[in-house]
C-alpha atoms as a PDB file:
ATOM      1  CA  MET A   1      -0.027  -0.050  -0.001  1.00  0.00           C
ATOM      2  CA  GLU A   2       2.952   2.311   0.637  1.00  0.00           C
ATOM      3  CA  GLU A   3       3.674   2.255  -3.298  1.00  0.00           C
ATOM      4  CA  LYS A   4       0.000   2.966  -3.926  1.00  0.00           C
ATOM      5  CA  ASN A   5       0.166   6.005  -1.756  1.00  0.00           C
ATOM      6  CA  GLU A   6       3.557   7.128  -3.289  1.00  0.00           C
ATOM      7  CA  LEU A   7       2.112   6.961  -6.755  1.00  0.00           C
ATOM      8  CA  ILE A   8      -0.951   8.871  -5.672  1.00  0.00           C
ATOM      9  CA  ASP A   9       1.161  11.672  -4.420  1.00  0.00           C
ATOM     10  CA  VAL A  10       3.348  11.671  -7.730  1.00  0.00           C
ATOM     11  CA  PHE A  11      -0.038  12.150  -9.625  1.00  0.00           C
ATOM     12  CA  ALA A  12      -1.199  14.763  -7.362  1.00  0.00           C
ATOM     13  CA  SER A  13       2.111  16.687  -7.735  1.00  0.00           C
ATOM     14  CA  ILE A  14       1.856  17.120 -11.455  1.00  0.00           C
ATOM     15  CA  SER A  15      -0.148  20.186 -12.397  1.00  0.00           C
ATOM     16  CA  GLU A  16       0.822  20.608 -16.041  1.00  0.00           C
ATOM     17  CA  PRO A  17      -1.218  18.716 -18.654  1.00  0.00           C
ATOM     18  CA  GLU A  18       2.018  18.241 -20.902  1.00  0.00           C
ATOM     19  CA  GLU A  19       3.916  16.869 -17.957  1.00  0.00           C
ATOM     20  CA  MET A  20       0.896  14.477 -17.264  1.00  0.00           C
ATOM     21  CA  SER A  21       0.749  13.313 -20.753  1.00  0.00           C
ATOM     22  CA  ARG A  22       4.490  12.526 -20.789  1.00  0.00           C
ATOM     23  CA  PHE A  23       4.184  10.668 -17.493  1.00  0.00           C
ATOM     24  CA  PHE A  24       1.357   8.643 -18.793  1.00  0.00           C
ATOM     25  CA  GLU A  25       3.373   7.786 -21.935  1.00  0.00           C
ATOM     26  CA  GLU A  26       6.267   6.827 -19.711  1.00  0.00           C
ATOM     27  CA  ILE A  27       4.547   4.744 -16.884  1.00  0.00           C
ATOM     28  CA  PHE A  28       1.673   3.173 -18.906  1.00  0.00           C
ATOM     29  CA  THR A  29       1.835   0.728 -21.887  1.00  0.00           C
ATOM     30  CA  PRO A  30      -0.100   1.537 -24.890  1.00  0.00           C
ATOM     31  CA  ASN A  31      -2.898  -0.974 -23.988  1.00  0.00           C
ATOM     32  CA  GLU A  32      -3.193   0.427 -20.502  1.00  0.00           C
ATOM     33  CA  ARG A  33      -3.528   4.053 -21.747  1.00  0.00           C
ATOM     34  CA  LYS A  34      -6.189   2.655 -24.263  1.00  0.00           C
ATOM     35  CA  ASP A  35      -8.067   1.043 -21.344  1.00  0.00           C
ATOM     36  CA  ILE A  36      -7.928   4.209 -19.221  1.00  0.00           C
ATOM     37  CA  VAL A  37      -9.298   6.203 -22.058  1.00  0.00           C
ATOM     38  CA  LEU A  38     -12.019   3.698 -22.835  1.00  0.00           C
ATOM     39  CA  ARG A  39     -13.099   3.769 -19.021  1.00  0.00           C
ATOM     40  CA  TRP A  40     -13.443   7.665 -19.172  1.00  0.00           C
ATOM     41  CA  LYS A  41     -15.526   7.435 -22.336  1.00  0.00           C
ATOM     42  CA  LEU A  42     -17.585   4.872 -20.699  1.00  0.00           C
ATOM     43  CA  MET A  43     -18.152   7.056 -17.681  1.00  0.00           C
ATOM     44  CA  LYS A  44     -18.917  10.171 -19.774  1.00  0.00           C
ATOM     45  CA  LEU A  45     -21.616   8.200 -21.776  1.00  0.00           C
ATOM     46  CA  LEU A  46     -23.102   7.024 -18.593  1.00  0.00           C
ATOM     47  CA  LYS A  47     -23.202  10.447 -17.284  1.00  0.00           C
ATOM     48  CA  THR A  48     -25.243  11.629 -20.310  1.00  0.00           C
ATOM     49  CA  GLY A  49     -27.871   8.924 -19.555  1.00  0.00           C
ATOM     50  CA  MET A  50     -27.071   6.746 -22.558  1.00  0.00           C
ATOM     51  CA  PRO A  51     -28.396   3.128 -21.865  1.00  0.00           C
ATOM     52  CA  GLN A  52     -25.993   0.555 -20.861  1.00  0.00           C
ATOM     53  CA  ARG A  53     -26.576  -1.820 -23.934  1.00  0.00           C
ATOM     54  CA  LYS A  54     -26.082   1.101 -26.261  1.00  0.00           C
ATOM     55  CA  ILE A  55     -22.808   1.962 -24.565  1.00  0.00           C
ATOM     56  CA  ALA A  56     -21.761  -1.754 -24.755  1.00  0.00           C
ATOM     57  CA  SER A  57     -22.474  -1.841 -28.449  1.00  0.00           C
ATOM     58  CA  LYS A  58     -20.797   1.472 -29.187  1.00  0.00           C
ATOM     59  CA  LEU A  59     -17.692   0.837 -27.202  1.00  0.00           C
ATOM     60  CA  GLY A  60     -17.485  -2.985 -27.600  1.00  0.00           C
ATOM     61  CA  ILE A  61     -17.358  -3.661 -24.031  1.00  0.00           C
ATOM     62  CA  SER A  62     -19.010  -6.019 -21.655  1.00  0.00           C
ATOM     63  CA  LEU A  63     -22.051  -5.098 -19.501  1.00  0.00           C
ATOM     64  CA  CYS A  64     -19.960  -5.976 -16.435  1.00  0.00           C
ATOM     65  CA  LYS A  65     -17.570  -3.187 -16.979  1.00  0.00           C
ATOM     66  CA  ILE A  66     -20.465  -0.851 -17.703  1.00  0.00           C
ATOM     67  CA  THR A  67     -22.328  -1.827 -14.460  1.00  0.00           C
ATOM     68  CA  ARG A  68     -19.245  -1.111 -12.401  1.00  0.00           C
ATOM     69  CA  GLY A  69     -19.189   2.375 -14.061  1.00  0.00           C
ATOM     70  CA  ALA A  70     -22.849   2.853 -13.563  1.00  0.00           C
ATOM     71  CA  LYS A  71     -22.473   2.291  -9.786  1.00  0.00           C
ATOM     72  CA  ILE A  72     -19.854   4.974  -9.725  1.00  0.00           C
ATOM     73  CA  VAL A  73     -21.606   7.527 -11.840  1.00  0.00           C
ATOM     74  CA  GLY A  74     -24.794   6.766  -9.798  1.00  0.00           C
ATOM     75  CA  ASN A  75     -23.131   7.658  -6.614  1.00  0.00           C
ATOM     76  CA  PRO A  76     -23.398  11.535  -6.159  1.00  0.00           C
ATOM     77  CA  ASP A  77     -20.492  11.556  -3.683  1.00  0.00           C
ATOM     78  CA  SER A  78     -18.052   9.757  -6.027  1.00  0.00           C
ATOM     79  CA  VAL A  79     -15.014  11.687  -7.056  1.00  0.00           C
ATOM     80  CA  THR A  80     -15.670  10.827 -10.712  1.00  0.00           C
ATOM     81  CA  ASN A  81     -19.060  12.727 -10.569  1.00  0.00           C
ATOM     82  CA  GLN A  82     -17.412  15.599  -8.927  1.00  0.00           C
ATOM     83  CA  LEU A  83     -14.751  15.699 -11.703  1.00  0.00           C
ATOM     84  CA  MET A  84     -17.531  15.358 -14.498  1.00  0.00           C
ATOM     85  CA  LYS A  85     -19.409  18.384 -13.284  1.00  0.00           C
END
């Protein structure tokens, strides 16, 4: 858990978008970056109210991933909801 907290501190210390972009390129593989972007697209589509089955078809992902995202977006206290306002 110490490494997790250390990494969170590193992310929190980066305030410049260009630096964050470079850090993402350095620390994540192309597939990991693709997965993160896909997760964000999923969250944004859920936030618009798009039906889960339509999202699954549009993004080519399972309903299980979408259900997890829906629980997060459905929680008004989630950090994700706060960031998408």
